[in-house]
Protein backbone atom coordinates (compact mmCIF):
# COMPACT_ATOMS: atom_id res chain seq x y z
CA MET A 1 0.00 0.00 0.00
CA LYS A 2 1.14 3.53 -0.77
CA THR A 3 -0.07 6.82 0.67
CA SER A 4 0.26 10.42 -0.47
CA ASN A 5 -0.81 13.62 1.26
CA SER A 6 -2.23 16.75 -0.31
CA SER A 7 -4.12 19.80 0.95
CA LYS A 8 -7.56 20.40 -0.52
CA THR A 9 -9.42 23.66 -0.02
CA LEU A 10 -13.06 23.55 0.99
CA GLN A 11 -13.97 25.27 -2.28
CA TRP A 12 -12.19 22.47 -4.19
CA ILE A 13 -13.99 19.85 -2.06
CA ARG A 14 -17.41 21.43 -2.63
CA ASN A 15 -16.83 21.65 -6.38
CA LYS A 16 -15.70 18.02 -6.58
CA TYR A 17 -18.77 16.88 -4.65
CA LYS A 18 -21.07 18.93 -6.87
CA ARG A 19 -19.62 17.14 -9.90
CA GLY A 20 -20.15 13.72 -8.31
CA LEU A 21 -16.42 13.15 -7.80
CA ILE A 22 -16.61 12.79 -4.02
CA SER A 23 -18.91 10.07 -2.73
CA PHE A 24 -19.97 8.89 0.73
CA LYS A 25 -21.28 5.55 -0.59
CA HIS A 26 -18.29 3.25 -0.06
CA LYS A 27 -19.18 -0.09 1.54
CA LEU A 28 -16.64 0.47 4.35
CA GLN A 29 -17.93 3.94 5.18
CA ARG A 30 -20.02 4.75 8.18
CA PRO A 31 -23.12 6.71 7.07
CA ILE A 32 -22.70 10.48 7.19
CA ASP A 33 -24.69 12.93 9.34
CA GLN A 34 -23.62 11.26 12.61
CA TRP A 35 -22.75 14.56 14.30
CA GLY A 36 -25.02 16.96 16.13
CA LYS A 37 -25.14 20.69 15.38
CA LEU A 38 -22.67 21.67 18.11
CA LYS A 39 -20.00 19.26 16.89
CA LYS A 40 -20.50 20.43 13.30
CA SER A 41 -20.27 24.05 14.44
CA LYS A 42 -17.03 23.41 16.31
CA LEU A 43 -15.47 22.07 13.12
CA ILE A 44 -16.43 25.20 11.17
CA HIS A 45 -15.09 27.37 13.99
CA THR A 46 -11.88 25.31 14.04
CA LEU A 47 -11.31 25.97 10.34
CA LEU A 48 -12.04 29.68 10.68
CA VAL A 49 -9.57 30.21 13.50
CA GLY A 50 -6.91 27.95 11.99
CA TYR A 51 -6.78 25.15 14.56
CA PRO A 52 -5.41 21.82 13.23
CA VAL A 53 -7.77 19.17 11.87
CA ASN A 54 -6.92 15.48 11.57
CA PRO A 55 -6.18 14.14 8.07
CA ILE A 56 -8.93 12.64 5.91
CA TYR A 57 -8.09 9.11 4.74
CA VAL A 58 -9.46 8.46 1.27
CA THR A 59 -9.35 6.04 -1.62
CA GLU A 60 -9.85 6.95 -5.26
CA GLU A 61 -11.71 4.56 -7.54
CA ASN A 62 -12.64 5.40 -11.15
CA ASP A 63 -11.80 9.09 -10.49
CA VAL A 64 -14.22 9.22 -7.53
CA ILE A 65 -12.86 10.03 -4.07
CA TYR A 66 -14.25 8.02 -1.13
CA PRO A 67 -13.43 9.29 2.39
CA LEU A 68 -13.05 6.22 4.63
CA ASP A 69 -12.04 8.07 7.79
CA GLY A 70 -13.12 11.68 8.04
CA SER A 71 -16.37 11.44 6.11
CA GLN A 72 -18.18 13.34 8.89
CA ARG A 73 -15.70 16.22 8.57
CA VAL A 74 -15.87 16.36 4.79
CA SER A 75 -19.67 16.07 4.61
CA THR A 76 -20.08 18.71 7.35
CA CYS A 77 -17.98 21.20 5.39
CA ILE A 78 -19.95 20.56 2.20
CA GLU A 79 -23.25 20.83 4.03
CA TYR A 80 -22.32 24.14 5.65
CA LEU A 81 -21.01 25.72 2.45
CA ASN A 82 -24.34 24.77 0.86
CA ASP A 83 -26.26 26.53 3.66
CA GLY A 84 -27.37 23.18 5.03
CA PHE A 85 -27.42 24.25 8.70
CA ARG A 86 -26.99 27.21 11.04
CA LEU A 87 -24.12 27.25 13.48
CA SER A 88 -25.02 26.45 17.05
CA LYS A 89 -25.87 29.35 19.34
CA GLU A 90 -22.96 28.15 21.51
CA THR A 91 -20.40 28.71 18.73
CA PRO A 92 -17.64 31.08 19.98
CA GLN A 93 -16.75 34.35 18.29
CA VAL A 94 -13.99 34.47 15.70
CA GLN A 95 -11.14 36.95 15.96
CA ILE A 96 -9.21 37.76 12.79
CA LYS A 97 -5.87 39.58 12.87
CA ASN A 98 -4.94 41.90 10.00
CA ILE A 99 -2.10 44.37 9.48
CA VAL A 100 -3.40 47.86 8.65
CA ASP A 101 -0.85 50.66 8.08
CA GLY A 102 1.77 48.59 9.86
CA GLN A 103 -0.43 48.04 12.89
CA GLU A 104 -2.07 44.78 13.98
CA VAL A 105 -5.85 45.12 13.98
CA ILE A 106 -8.09 42.46 15.51
CA THR A 107 -11.66 42.18 14.23
CA THR A 108 -14.19 40.15 16.19
CA TYR A 109 -17.05 38.40 14.40
CA ASP A 110 -20.17 36.84 15.86
CA ILE A 111 -20.96 33.68 13.91
CA ALA A 112 -23.39 31.85 16.22
CA GLY A 113 -26.69 30.98 14.55
CA LYS A 114 -25.48 31.92 11.05
CA LYS A 115 -25.53 29.98 7.80
CA PHE A 116 -22.55 30.27 5.46
CA SER A 117 -24.27 32.87 3.27
CA GLN A 118 -24.85 35.03 6.37
CA LEU A 119 -21.19 35.18 7.38
CA ASP A 120 -19.22 38.34 6.72
CA GLU A 121 -17.46 38.26 3.36
CA GLU A 122 -14.02 38.02 4.95
CA LEU A 123 -15.06 34.89 6.86
CA GLN A 124 -16.58 33.32 3.74
CA GLU A 125 -13.29 33.79 1.92
CA ILE A 126 -11.31 32.34 4.84
CA LEU A 127 -13.54 29.28 4.98
CA LEU A 128 -13.47 28.65 1.23
CA SER A 129 -9.67 28.81 1.24
CA ALA A 130 -9.30 26.71 4.41
CA SER A 131 -7.96 23.25 3.67
CA LEU A 132 -8.19 19.66 4.80
CA THR A 133 -5.34 17.21 4.34
CA PHE A 134 -6.32 14.24 2.18
CA CYS A 135 -4.24 11.12 2.74
CA THR A 136 -4.89 9.07 -0.39
CA MET A 137 -4.29 5.31 -0.19
CA SER A 138 -3.35 3.46 -3.37
CA GLU A 139 -1.96 0.11 -4.56
CA TYR A 140 -3.77 -1.76 -1.80
CA ASN A 141 -5.65 -5.03 -1.68
CA SER A 142 -9.03 -5.42 0.01
CA ASN A 143 -7.59 -7.03 3.16
CA GLU A 144 -5.14 -4.17 3.64
CA LEU A 145 -7.92 -1.61 3.23
CA LYS A 146 -10.10 -3.38 5.80
CA GLU A 147 -7.17 -3.58 8.20
CA VAL A 148 -6.54 0.16 7.85
CA PHE A 149 -10.25 0.88 8.36
CA ASP A 150 -10.31 -1.29 11.50
CA ARG A 151 -7.22 0.38 12.97
CA LEU A 152 -8.38 3.91 12.16
CA ASN A 153 -11.66 3.23 13.96
CA SER A 154 -10.40 1.03 16.80
CA GLY A 155 -10.54 3.88 19.30
CA LYS A 156 -13.78 5.44 18.07
CA ALA A 157 -17.42 4.87 18.86
CA LEU A 158 -18.30 2.63 15.92
CA ASN A 159 -20.66 -0.10 17.01
CA GLY A 160 -20.49 -3.80 16.18
CA LYS A 161 -22.90 -3.38 13.29
CA GLN A 162 -20.75 -0.72 11.64
CA LEU A 163 -17.52 -2.70 12.09
CA ARG A 164 -19.03 -5.99 10.91
CA VAL A 165 -17.97 -5.20 7.34
CA CYS A 166 -14.39 -5.96 8.41
CA TYR A 167 -15.36 -9.62 8.74
CA MET A 168 -16.77 -9.82 5.22
CA SER A 169 -15.08 -10.55 1.94
CA ASP A 170 -15.25 -7.89 -0.75
CA GLU A 171 -17.86 -9.90 -2.66
CA LEU A 172 -20.10 -10.39 0.37
CA ALA A 173 -19.85 -6.74 1.40
CA ASP A 174 -20.98 -5.79 -2.11
CA VAL A 175 -24.02 -8.08 -1.85
CA ILE A 176 -25.10 -6.78 1.56
CA PHE A 177 -24.48 -3.16 0.54
CA GLU A 178 -26.59 -3.55 -2.61
CA LEU A 179 -29.51 -5.17 -0.79
CA ALA A 180 -29.41 -2.67 2.08
CA SER A 181 -29.53 0.13 -0.53
CA HIS A 182 -32.73 -1.24 -2.09
CA PRO A 183 -35.58 1.34 -2.34
CA PHE A 184 -37.79 -0.77 -0.04
CA MET A 185 -35.28 -0.35 2.79
CA ASP A 186 -35.77 3.43 2.58
CA LYS A 187 -39.43 2.83 3.43
CA VAL A 188 -38.73 0.90 6.64
CA ILE A 189 -35.38 2.18 7.96
CA THR A 190 -35.30 5.40 9.97
CA LYS A 191 -32.49 7.91 9.74
CA ALA A 192 -31.14 6.82 13.14
CA GLN A 193 -31.21 3.15 12.15
CA TYR A 194 -29.42 3.94 8.92
CA LYS A 195 -26.72 5.78 10.86
CA ASN A 196 -26.04 2.89 13.26
CA GLY A 197 -25.94 0.18 10.59
CA SER A 198 -29.26 -1.50 11.41
CA ASP A 199 -30.19 -1.73 7.72
CA ARG A 200 -27.27 -4.04 6.89
CA ASP A 201 -27.72 -6.08 10.05
CA ALA A 202 -31.40 -6.66 9.27
CA ILE A 203 -30.36 -8.05 5.86
CA ILE A 204 -27.75 -10.34 7.44
CA GLN A 205 -30.16 -11.54 10.13
CA ALA A 206 -32.77 -12.32 7.48
CA PHE A 207 -30.19 -14.46 5.66
CA MET A 208 -29.49 -16.25 8.94
CA LEU A 209 -33.17 -17.17 9.13
CA VAL A 210 -33.23 -18.19 5.48
CA CYS A 211 -30.31 -20.56 6.12
CA THR A 212 -31.84 -22.03 9.28
CA ASN A 213 -33.22 -25.55 8.85
CA LYS A 214 -33.54 -28.84 10.77
CA ASP A 215 -29.78 -29.38 10.57
CA ASN A 216 -28.52 -25.81 11.10
CA ASP A 217 -29.74 -23.21 13.57
CA TYR A 218 -28.72 -19.58 13.08
CA THR A 219 -31.38 -18.00 15.27
CA SER A 220 -28.99 -16.36 17.73
CA PHE A 221 -28.56 -12.68 16.86
CA LEU A 222 -25.76 -12.11 19.38
CA GLN A 223 -22.85 -10.12 17.93
CA LYS A 224 -20.43 -13.05 17.94
CA ASP A 225 -22.89 -15.35 16.19
CA ILE A 226 -23.67 -12.80 13.48
CA ASN A 227 -19.93 -12.29 12.86
CA ASP A 228 -19.39 -16.06 12.69
CA PHE A 229 -22.23 -16.37 10.18
CA VAL A 230 -20.88 -13.78 7.73
CA VAL A 231 -17.44 -15.37 7.89
CA ASN A 232 -18.57 -18.95 7.34
CA HIS A 233 -21.62 -18.67 5.08
CA GLU A 234 -20.66 -16.33 2.27
CA SER A 235 -21.44 -18.83 -0.48
CA GLU A 236 -24.94 -19.48 0.88
CA ILE A 237 -25.69 -15.77 1.08
CA THR A 238 -24.45 -14.95 -2.42
CA GLU A 239 -26.30 -18.00 -3.80
CA LYS A 240 -29.59 -16.77 -2.34
CA ALA A 241 -29.06 -13.06 -3.08
CA SER A 242 -31.01 -12.99 -6.36
CA VAL A 243 -34.16 -14.40 -4.76
CA PHE A 244 -33.68 -12.03 -1.83
CA LYS A 245 -33.54 -9.08 -4.22
CA GLU A 246 -36.70 -10.32 -5.94
CA ALA A 247 -38.38 -10.48 -2.53
CA LEU A 248 -37.38 -6.86 -1.86
CA ASN A 249 -38.81 -5.91 -5.26
CA ASN A 250 -42.10 -7.57 -4.30
CA LEU A 251 -42.19 -5.75 -0.95
CA ASP A 252 -41.48 -2.46 -2.68
CA LYS A 253 -44.38 -2.98 -5.08
CA ALA A 254 -46.74 -4.11 -2.30
CA PHE A 255 -46.25 -1.06 -0.08
CA ASP A 256 -46.40 2.58 -1.19
CA GLY A 257 -44.67 5.16 0.95
CA GLU A 258 -43.23 4.73 4.44
CA LEU A 259 -43.94 1.46 6.25
CA LYS A 260 -43.43 1.52 10.01
CA ILE A 261 -41.90 -1.77 11.11
CA ARG A 262 -40.07 -2.22 14.39
CA ILE A 263 -36.45 -3.02 13.63
CA ILE A 264 -36.68 -6.17 15.75
CA ASN A 265 -39.36 -7.49 13.37
CA LEU A 266 -37.77 -6.50 10.07
CA PRO A 267 -35.56 -9.62 9.65
CA MET A 268 -38.67 -11.80 10.15
CA ILE A 269 -40.61 -9.91 7.48
CA LEU A 270 -37.67 -10.01 5.07
CA TYR A 271 -37.35 -13.75 5.68
CA SER A 272 -41.09 -14.21 5.07
CA ALA A 273 -40.89 -12.25 1.81
CA TYR A 274 -37.97 -14.42 0.70
CA ARG A 275 -39.83 -17.63 1.57
CA VAL A 276 -43.05 -16.60 -0.17
CA THR A 277 -41.13 -15.45 -3.24
CA LYS A 278 -39.09 -18.66 -3.46
CA ASP A 279 -42.13 -20.88 -2.89
CA LYS A 280 -44.20 -18.83 -5.36
CA LYS A 281 -47.01 -18.26 -2.88
CA SER A 282 -49.37 -15.27 -2.95
CA PHE A 283 -47.43 -12.11 -2.15
CA TYR A 284 -50.74 -10.26 -1.89
CA LYS A 285 -51.67 -12.56 1.00
CA LEU A 286 -48.33 -11.94 2.71
CA ALA A 287 -48.85 -8.17 2.39
CA GLU A 288 -52.23 -8.59 4.12
CA ILE A 289 -50.56 -10.53 6.94
CA ILE A 290 -47.92 -7.80 7.38
CA VAL A 291 -50.57 -5.06 7.50
CA ASP A 292 -52.65 -7.03 10.02
CA PHE A 293 -49.51 -7.77 12.07
CA ASN A 294 -48.72 -4.05 12.30
CA MET A 295 -52.30 -2.97 13.08
CA ASN A 296 -52.82 -5.55 15.84
CA TYR A 297 -49.27 -5.67 17.18
CA GLU A 298 -50.07 -4.41 20.68
CA ASN A 299 -52.63 -7.17 21.20
CA ASN A 300 -50.49 -9.96 19.76
CA GLU A 301 -49.43 -11.48 23.08
CA GLU A 302 -48.39 -14.75 21.42
CA PHE A 303 -45.73 -12.90 19.45
CA LYS A 304 -44.84 -10.18 21.96
CA GLN A 305 -43.71 -12.68 24.57
CA PHE A 306 -40.59 -13.03 22.41
CA THR A 307 -39.83 -9.29 22.22
CA GLY A 308 -38.88 -8.59 25.84
CA SER A 309 -35.50 -8.77 27.54
CA GLY A 310 -32.81 -10.67 25.66
CA THR A 311 -34.33 -10.21 22.21
CA SER A 312 -31.10 -11.32 20.49
CA SER A 313 -30.93 -14.69 22.23
CA SER A 314 -31.70 -17.83 20.27
CA GLN A 315 -34.78 -18.59 22.36
CA MET A 316 -36.35 -15.19 21.67
CA VAL A 317 -35.40 -15.06 17.99
CA ARG A 318 -36.66 -18.62 17.53
CA GLY A 319 -40.03 -17.67 19.04
CA ARG A 320 -40.48 -14.78 16.59
CA PHE A 321 -39.18 -16.90 13.73
CA ASP A 322 -41.59 -19.77 14.43
CA TRP A 323 -44.55 -17.37 14.59
CA TRP A 324 -43.82 -16.07 11.09
CA ARG A 325 -43.13 -19.55 9.75
CA ALA A 326 -46.57 -20.58 10.98
CA GLN A 327 -48.15 -17.65 9.11
CA ILE A 328 -46.43 -18.70 5.88
CA LYS A 329 -47.32 -22.36 6.32
CA ALA A 330 -51.00 -21.42 6.76
CA MET A 331 -51.04 -19.47 3.50
CA GLN A 332 -52.93 -21.11 0.62
């Protein structure tokens, strides 16, 4: 692996993004928009006053730059330059030193609560010319890239779902990423769930249910067991991916607009859609079952007994799984 460093101004970064040459859609990336307003504001203040900012680690594929570490910083800068948010009311003032007639003159600016377009012209120019250091990685293989990603994030608050990609092969990560990006997932995954990686985990958990049979039981959704599954069952997942995608297509056609499904129940519904699609049963009937399940959820004591404490344990997952299998079996 080789690395090279270069400074990129925020104006350059914004222009590249506008042209589609910076992307936040790499399979190793954590979703953007993880920061709150105060943290975003502190970054903008940092750049205005000239404090140091950690390097951005990126790869470049087909002329598109993918930030792997630092995507929150890059996306925050782009968002602010595009008037995407106001600075927090807690943002400190900015003091700028200039030399006028041989004398140092300090000008103080209030920036709290302001969008980029509302900043004084001098501050806009400072921000546009401020730079981030891009450390570009090249001549790497997929294992090296995953190792770098793991080490860069080893001391940060990425959860097990977000780091699970390190256990996957390149091919498997592509499959999970494509399925998690399906339009149907946008209807059922909230912004918070997208941020913490629940979309990809729901796909993996559904595959665990699909692969469960009388000889193999993958109904434990504990972190270790999910990691073991993605390591040892890649071929089964990729083999079943086309039917899984067809099932997502059927779900997307069956439901218009947002569909509120508790994240704990999503793997079961994805599994059911896969089973009905593979067995060529009535998808219309399954859609009716899903609607009825949602409408009468609070009164479904038979199912809810498996949604209490320890929901990831095999006993609890198996209870939910068996309930949905019974619904499918009863379908004509």
